[in-house]
Amino acid sequence: MQDIIRNGLPLHWFTRRNALLTGLGIALTFVACNEAYHYVRKRVSEPAQAAPCFEPYDVTYKPGSAPLPARGTPSTDQRGDELYLTRVKDAERLCTPQSCDKAALAAYNGALFWYFSDRMRHMRRLDMNYGEAGIARARQLYRTADDLAIEQGLRERYQAKTFRINDSRQHREVKSILIFKSGEAMRPCRKGDAG
């Protein structure tokens, strides 16, 4: 140690290779610590209120202003999630608020993933084309008895501590909106919402 203080650092420490290795080591340490911090933070915390909108990382558009076609027009009102509705209902039979093993919960989460993905895609498309009128139409389309039952089932399973919102990376915002509010509060994030 005294040799380093007296003579300084050895010149072989300042080669290009050592500088690259040091930089790479610092970068990898930062990434690993950042990932560990976010992993732990998401696992120990849980939202206490609904998110204002879903998919905040996808705020690349402003809402459209085209006139909304009449109710019943296939281009706006066609839902493509009948198969996903059936899968969610089947998964709910195996994963009840009172009893839901690991396999049943995985099936339930998988069915919800596809159902939410289709619902969010449809709502975002209507918002991109028609703005607030498109969101209102999407909210009407997803107020069927099956949709309301899925939302209620999600709330019941959450209250029974079958799952946590932050347990998965997918659809955290949608789950928080449906659990703490309802489908009437769902809306996609838009350009200018983040921040």
C-alpha atoms as a PDB file:
ATOM      1  CA  MET A   1       0.000   0.000   0.000  1.00  0.00           C
ATOM      2  CA  GLN A   2       2.814   2.369   0.856  1.00  0.00           C
ATOM      3  CA  ASP A   3       4.427   1.573  -2.474  1.00  0.00           C
ATOM      4  CA  ILE A   4       1.259   2.735  -4.290  1.00  0.00           C
ATOM      5  CA  ILE A   5       1.176   5.900  -2.189  1.00  0.00           C
ATOM      6  CA  ARG A   6       4.852   6.619  -2.853  1.00  0.00           C
ATOM      7  CA  ASN A   7       5.005   5.685  -6.572  1.00  0.00           C
ATOM      8  CA  GLY A   8       1.375   5.939  -7.706  1.00  0.00           C
ATOM      9  CA  LEU A   9      -0.583   3.304  -9.561  1.00  0.00           C
ATOM     10  CA  PRO A  10       1.362   0.971 -11.864  1.00  0.00           C
ATOM     11  CA  LEU A  11       1.149   1.809 -15.566  1.00  0.00           C
ATOM     12  CA  HIS A  12      -0.170  -1.644 -16.514  1.00  0.00           C
ATOM     13  CA  TRP A  13      -3.449  -0.712 -14.755  1.00  0.00           C
ATOM     14  CA  PHE A  14      -4.065   1.931 -17.415  1.00  0.00           C
ATOM     15  CA  THR A  15      -4.153  -0.250 -20.507  1.00  0.00           C
ATOM     16  CA  ARG A  16      -7.093  -0.193 -22.906  1.00  0.00           C
ATOM     17  CA  ARG A  17      -8.036  -3.755 -21.950  1.00  0.00           C
ATOM     18  CA  ASN A  18      -8.128  -2.973 -18.211  1.00  0.00           C
ATOM     19  CA  ALA A  19     -10.120   0.189 -18.825  1.00  0.00           C
ATOM     20  CA  LEU A  20     -12.687  -1.786 -20.864  1.00  0.00           C
ATOM     21  CA  LEU A  21     -12.884  -4.500 -18.205  1.00  0.00           C
ATOM     22  CA  THR A  22     -13.299  -1.930 -15.450  1.00  0.00           C
ATOM     23  CA  GLY A  23     -16.019  -0.105 -17.387  1.00  0.00           C
ATOM     24  CA  LEU A  24     -17.785  -3.362 -18.172  1.00  0.00           C
ATOM     25  CA  GLY A  25     -17.596  -4.403 -14.521  1.00  0.00           C
ATOM     26  CA  ILE A  26     -19.071  -1.086 -13.380  1.00  0.00           C
ATOM     27  CA  ALA A  27     -21.864  -1.315 -15.972  1.00  0.00           C
ATOM     28  CA  LEU A  28     -22.741  -4.902 -15.062  1.00  0.00           C
ATOM     29  CA  THR A  29     -22.725  -4.067 -11.365  1.00  0.00           C
ATOM     30  CA  PHE A  30     -25.061  -1.126 -11.976  1.00  0.00           C
ATOM     31  CA  VAL A  31     -27.460  -3.196 -14.105  1.00  0.00           C
ATOM     32  CA  ALA A  32     -27.513  -6.052 -11.580  1.00  0.00           C
ATOM     33  CA  CYS A  33     -28.129  -3.701  -8.641  1.00  0.00           C
ATOM     34  CA  ASN A  34     -30.833  -1.812 -10.557  1.00  0.00           C
ATOM     35  CA  GLU A  35     -32.635  -5.036 -11.517  1.00  0.00           C
ATOM     36  CA  ALA A  36     -32.398  -6.357  -7.958  1.00  0.00           C
ATOM     37  CA  TYR A  37     -33.744  -3.087  -6.541  1.00  0.00           C
ATOM     38  CA  HIS A  38     -36.737  -3.011  -8.908  1.00  0.00           C
ATOM     39  CA  TYR A  39     -37.443  -6.713  -8.394  1.00  0.00           C
ATOM     40  CA  VAL A  40     -37.489  -6.352  -4.612  1.00  0.00           C
ATOM     41  CA  ARG A  41     -39.441  -3.083  -4.719  1.00  0.00           C
ATOM     42  CA  LYS A  42     -42.186  -4.605  -6.871  1.00  0.00           C
ATOM     43  CA  ARG A  43     -42.376  -7.721  -4.699  1.00  0.00           C
ATOM     44  CA  VAL A  44     -42.596  -5.996  -1.328  1.00  0.00           C
ATOM     45  CA  SER A  45     -44.909  -3.179  -2.389  1.00  0.00           C
ATOM     46  CA  GLU A  46     -48.433  -3.265  -3.746  1.00  0.00           C
ATOM     47  CA  PRO A  47     -50.449  -0.430  -5.269  1.00  0.00           C
ATOM     48  CA  ALA A  48     -53.025   1.152  -2.973  1.00  0.00           C
ATOM     49  CA  GLN A  49     -54.984   2.867  -5.725  1.00  0.00           C
ATOM     50  CA  ALA A  50     -55.852   2.485  -9.381  1.00  0.00           C
ATOM     51  CA  ALA A  51     -53.449   3.568 -12.075  1.00  0.00           C
ATOM     52  CA  PRO A  52     -54.719   6.554 -14.100  1.00  0.00           C
ATOM     53  CA  CYS A  53     -54.337   4.692 -17.407  1.00  0.00           C
ATOM     54  CA  PHE A  54     -52.867   1.503 -18.827  1.00  0.00           C
ATOM     55  CA  GLU A  55     -49.626   0.952 -20.739  1.00  0.00           C
ATOM     56  CA  PRO A  56     -47.835   4.154 -19.687  1.00  0.00           C
ATOM     57  CA  TYR A  57     -44.741   3.015 -21.621  1.00  0.00           C
ATOM     58  CA  ASP A  58     -46.706   3.098 -24.896  1.00  0.00           C
ATOM     59  CA  VAL A  59     -47.649   6.781 -25.034  1.00  0.00           C
ATOM     60  CA  THR A  60     -46.687   7.484 -28.622  1.00  0.00           C
ATOM     61  CA  TYR A  61     -49.924   8.920 -29.999  1.00  0.00           C
ATOM     62  CA  LYS A  62     -52.518  11.613 -29.500  1.00  0.00           C
ATOM     63  CA  PRO A  63     -56.183  10.623 -29.618  1.00  0.00           C
ATOM     64  CA  GLY A  64     -57.958  10.679 -32.950  1.00  0.00           C
ATOM     65  CA  SER A  65     -60.850  12.915 -33.894  1.00  0.00           C
ATOM     66  CA  ALA A  66     -62.616  11.002 -36.681  1.00  0.00           C
ATOM     67  CA  PRO A  67     -66.390  10.743 -36.350  1.00  0.00           C
ATOM     68  CA  LEU A  68     -67.427   7.516 -34.639  1.00  0.00           C
ATOM     69  CA  PRO A  69     -69.444   5.166 -36.876  1.00  0.00           C
ATOM     70  CA  ALA A  70     -72.930   4.089 -35.834  1.00  0.00           C
ATOM     71  CA  ARG A  71     -73.323   1.449 -33.165  1.00  0.00           C
ATOM     72  CA  GLY A  72     -73.030  -2.063 -34.611  1.00  0.00           C
ATOM     73  CA  THR A  73     -70.395  -1.222 -37.224  1.00  0.00           C
ATOM     74  CA  PRO A  74     -68.014  -4.205 -37.408  1.00  0.00           C
ATOM     75  CA  SER A  75     -64.886  -2.036 -37.734  1.00  0.00           C
ATOM     76  CA  THR A  76     -65.504  -0.501 -34.300  1.00  0.00           C
ATOM     77  CA  ASP A  77     -67.726  -2.930 -32.429  1.00  0.00           C
ATOM     78  CA  GLN A  78     -66.303  -6.304 -33.440  1.00  0.00           C
ATOM     79  CA  ARG A  79     -64.819  -7.992 -30.386  1.00  0.00           C
ATOM     80  CA  GLY A  80     -62.322 -10.735 -31.020  1.00  0.00           C
ATOM     81  CA  ASP A  81     -62.146 -12.085 -27.497  1.00  0.00           C
ATOM     82  CA  GLU A  82     -64.948 -14.690 -27.353  1.00  0.00           C
ATOM     83  CA  LEU A  83     -62.391 -17.485 -27.121  1.00  0.00           C
ATOM     84  CA  TYR A  84     -60.547 -15.598 -24.372  1.00  0.00           C
ATOM     85  CA  LEU A  85     -63.798 -15.031 -22.450  1.00  0.00           C
ATOM     86  CA  THR A  86     -64.444 -18.778 -22.522  1.00  0.00           C
ATOM     87  CA  ARG A  87     -60.904 -19.517 -21.351  1.00  0.00           C
ATOM     88  CA  VAL A  88     -61.202 -17.082 -18.443  1.00  0.00           C
ATOM     89  CA  LYS A  89     -64.532 -18.593 -17.381  1.00  0.00           C
ATOM     90  CA  ASP A  90     -63.024 -22.098 -17.542  1.00  0.00           C
ATOM     91  CA  ALA A  91     -59.989 -20.992 -15.538  1.00  0.00           C
ATOM     92  CA  GLU A  92     -62.227 -19.321 -12.936  1.00  0.00           C
ATOM     93  CA  ARG A  93     -63.911 -22.659 -12.251  1.00  0.00           C
ATOM     94  CA  LEU A  94     -60.567 -24.148 -11.229  1.00  0.00           C
ATOM     95  CA  CYS A  95     -59.179 -21.059  -9.499  1.00  0.00           C
ATOM     96  CA  THR A  96     -61.790 -19.814  -7.055  1.00  0.00           C
ATOM     97  CA  PRO A  97     -61.208 -17.226  -4.337  1.00  0.00           C
ATOM     98  CA  GLN A  98     -61.421 -20.049  -1.782  1.00  0.00           C
ATOM     99  CA  SER A  99     -59.151 -22.540  -3.537  1.00  0.00           C
ATOM    100  CA  CYS A 100     -56.573 -21.907  -6.228  1.00  0.00           C
ATOM    101  CA  ASP A 101     -53.473 -24.056  -6.520  1.00  0.00           C
ATOM    102  CA  LYS A 102     -50.371 -23.016  -8.437  1.00  0.00           C
ATOM    103  CA  ALA A 103     -51.380 -24.681 -11.733  1.00  0.00           C
ATOM    104  CA  ALA A 104     -54.916 -23.242 -11.577  1.00  0.00           C
ATOM    105  CA  LEU A 105     -53.528 -19.769 -10.849  1.00  0.00           C
ATOM    106  CA  ALA A 106     -51.144 -20.041 -13.802  1.00  0.00           C
ATOM    107  CA  ALA A 107     -54.046 -21.016 -16.082  1.00  0.00           C
ATOM    108  CA  TYR A 108     -56.151 -18.151 -14.707  1.00  0.00           C
ATOM    109  CA  ASN A 109     -53.347 -15.616 -15.217  1.00  0.00           C
ATOM    110  CA  GLY A 110     -52.713 -16.917 -18.736  1.00  0.00           C
ATOM    111  CA  ALA A 111     -56.383 -16.608 -19.680  1.00  0.00           C
ATOM    112  CA  LEU A 112     -56.544 -13.105 -18.179  1.00  0.00           C
ATOM    113  CA  PHE A 113     -53.417 -12.091 -20.097  1.00  0.00           C
ATOM    114  CA  TRP A 114     -54.995 -12.819 -23.477  1.00  0.00           C
ATOM    115  CA  TYR A 115     -58.372 -11.374 -22.501  1.00  0.00           C
ATOM    116  CA  PHE A 116     -56.794  -8.128 -21.220  1.00  0.00           C
ATOM    117  CA  SER A 117     -54.442  -7.914 -24.215  1.00  0.00           C
ATOM    118  CA  ASP A 118     -57.329  -8.051 -26.661  1.00  0.00           C
ATOM    119  CA  ARG A 119     -59.438  -5.618 -24.629  1.00  0.00           C
ATOM    120  CA  MET A 120     -56.596  -3.116 -24.328  1.00  0.00           C
ATOM    121  CA  ARG A 121     -55.708  -3.392 -28.018  1.00  0.00           C
ATOM    122  CA  HIS A 122     -59.312  -2.761 -29.010  1.00  0.00           C
ATOM    123  CA  MET A 123     -59.648   0.227 -26.666  1.00  0.00           C
ATOM    124  CA  ARG A 124     -56.343   1.730 -27.821  1.00  0.00           C
ATOM    125  CA  ARG A 125     -57.337   1.369 -31.487  1.00  0.00           C
ATOM    126  CA  LEU A 126     -60.678   3.098 -30.851  1.00  0.00           C
ATOM    127  CA  ASP A 127     -58.900   5.877 -28.948  1.00  0.00           C
ATOM    128  CA  MET A 128     -56.302   6.343 -31.692  1.00  0.00           C
ATOM    129  CA  ASN A 129     -59.046   6.730 -34.302  1.00  0.00           C
ATOM    130  CA  TYR A 130     -61.955   8.370 -32.448  1.00  0.00           C
ATOM    131  CA  GLY A 131     -60.623   9.813 -29.174  1.00  0.00           C
ATOM    132  CA  GLU A 132     -62.970  10.076 -26.182  1.00  0.00           C
ATOM    133  CA  ALA A 133     -65.920   8.821 -28.231  1.00  0.00           C
ATOM    134  CA  GLY A 134     -63.916   5.677 -29.048  1.00  0.00           C
ATOM    135  CA  ILE A 135     -63.090   5.106 -25.382  1.00  0.00           C
ATOM    136  CA  ALA A 136     -66.765   5.526 -24.473  1.00  0.00           C
ATOM    137  CA  ARG A 137     -67.708   2.968 -27.136  1.00  0.00           C
ATOM    138  CA  ALA A 138     -65.107   0.512 -25.855  1.00  0.00           C
ATOM    139  CA  ARG A 139     -66.414   0.916 -22.310  1.00  0.00           C
ATOM    140  CA  GLN A 140     -69.928   0.119 -23.552  1.00  0.00           C
ATOM    141  CA  LEU A 141     -68.737  -2.926 -25.480  1.00  0.00           C
ATOM    142  CA  TYR A 142     -67.003  -4.360 -22.404  1.00  0.00           C
ATOM    143  CA  ARG A 143     -69.971  -4.010 -20.032  1.00  0.00           C
ATOM    144  CA  THR A 144     -71.513  -7.396 -20.797  1.00  0.00           C
ATOM    145  CA  ALA A 145     -72.458  -9.735 -17.982  1.00  0.00           C
ATOM    146  CA  ASP A 146     -69.371 -11.858 -18.760  1.00  0.00           C
ATOM    147  CA  ASP A 147     -67.051  -8.833 -18.577  1.00  0.00           C
ATOM    148  CA  LEU A 148     -68.572  -7.677 -15.292  1.00  0.00           C
ATOM    149  CA  ALA A 149     -68.252 -11.204 -13.879  1.00  0.00           C
ATOM    150  CA  ILE A 150     -64.561 -11.310 -14.850  1.00  0.00           C
ATOM    151  CA  GLU A 151     -63.961  -7.947 -13.153  1.00  0.00           C
ATOM    152  CA  GLN A 152     -65.805  -9.070 -10.009  1.00  0.00           C
ATOM    153  CA  GLY A 153     -63.916 -12.362  -9.987  1.00  0.00           C
ATOM    154  CA  LEU A 154     -60.631 -10.482 -10.257  1.00  0.00           C
ATOM    155  CA  ARG A 155     -61.581  -8.349  -7.245  1.00  0.00           C
ATOM    156  CA  GLU A 156     -62.670 -11.369  -5.217  1.00  0.00           C
ATOM    157  CA  ARG A 157     -59.457 -13.271  -5.912  1.00  0.00           C
ATOM    158  CA  TYR A 158     -57.380 -10.201  -5.056  1.00  0.00           C
ATOM    159  CA  GLN A 159     -59.241  -9.664  -1.785  1.00  0.00           C
ATOM    160  CA  ALA A 160     -58.773 -13.354  -0.959  1.00  0.00           C
ATOM    161  CA  LYS A 161     -55.018 -12.817  -1.547  1.00  0.00           C
ATOM    162  CA  THR A 162     -54.942 -15.406  -4.325  1.00  0.00           C
ATOM    163  CA  PHE A 163     -52.530 -13.141  -6.205  1.00  0.00           C
ATOM    164  CA  ARG A 164     -50.841  -9.771  -5.895  1.00  0.00           C
ATOM    165  CA  ILE A 165     -50.928  -7.101  -8.596  1.00  0.00           C
ATOM    166  CA  ASN A 166     -47.141  -6.788  -8.640  1.00  0.00           C
ATOM    167  CA  ASP A 167     -46.535 -10.541  -8.853  1.00  0.00           C
ATOM    168  CA  SER A 168     -46.347 -10.351 -12.642  1.00  0.00           C
ATOM    169  CA  ARG A 169     -45.096  -7.771 -15.085  1.00  0.00           C
ATOM    170  CA  GLN A 170     -48.094  -7.918 -17.397  1.00  0.00           C
ATOM    171  CA  HIS A 171     -51.143  -5.720 -17.085  1.00  0.00           C
ATOM    172  CA  ARG A 172     -50.424  -4.282 -13.634  1.00  0.00           C
ATOM    173  CA  GLU A 173     -52.197  -1.046 -14.498  1.00  0.00           C
ATOM    174  CA  VAL A 174     -55.300  -2.789 -15.875  1.00  0.00           C
ATOM    175  CA  LYS A 175     -55.557  -5.031 -12.831  1.00  0.00           C
ATOM    176  CA  SER A 176     -55.266  -2.062 -10.464  1.00  0.00           C
ATOM    177  CA  ILE A 177     -57.931  -0.129 -12.396  1.00  0.00           C
ATOM    178  CA  LEU A 178     -60.362  -3.054 -12.384  1.00  0.00           C
ATOM    179  CA  ILE A 179     -59.701  -3.927  -8.734  1.00  0.00           C
ATOM    180  CA  PHE A 180     -59.812  -0.440  -7.224  1.00  0.00           C
ATOM    181  CA  LYS A 181     -62.303   1.139  -9.647  1.00  0.00           C
ATOM    182  CA  SER A 182     -64.053  -0.608 -12.546  1.00  0.00           C
ATOM    183  CA  GLY A 183     -64.003  -1.046 -16.305  1.00  0.00           C
ATOM    184  CA  GLU A 184     -65.595   2.397 -16.587  1.00  0.00           C
ATOM    185  CA  ALA A 185     -62.283   3.909 -15.463  1.00  0.00           C
ATOM    186  CA  MET A 186     -60.152   2.079 -18.037  1.00  0.00           C
ATOM    187  CA  ARG A 187     -58.400   4.165 -20.640  1.00  0.00           C
ATOM    188  CA  PRO A 188     -55.100   3.908 -22.510  1.00  0.00           C
ATOM    189  CA  CYS A 189     -52.288   6.293 -21.705  1.00  0.00           C
ATOM    190  CA  ARG A 190     -51.746   8.920 -24.370  1.00  0.00           C
ATOM    191  CA  LYS A 191     -48.905  11.186 -25.401  1.00  0.00           C
ATOM    192  CA  GLY A 192     -48.558  13.738 -22.613  1.00  0.00           C
ATOM    193  CA  ASP A 193     -49.941  11.441 -19.882  1.00  0.00           C
ATOM    194  CA  ALA A 194     -46.527  10.232 -18.733  1.00  0.00           C
ATOM    195  CA  GLY A 195     -44.932  12.671 -16.416  1.00  0.00           C
END
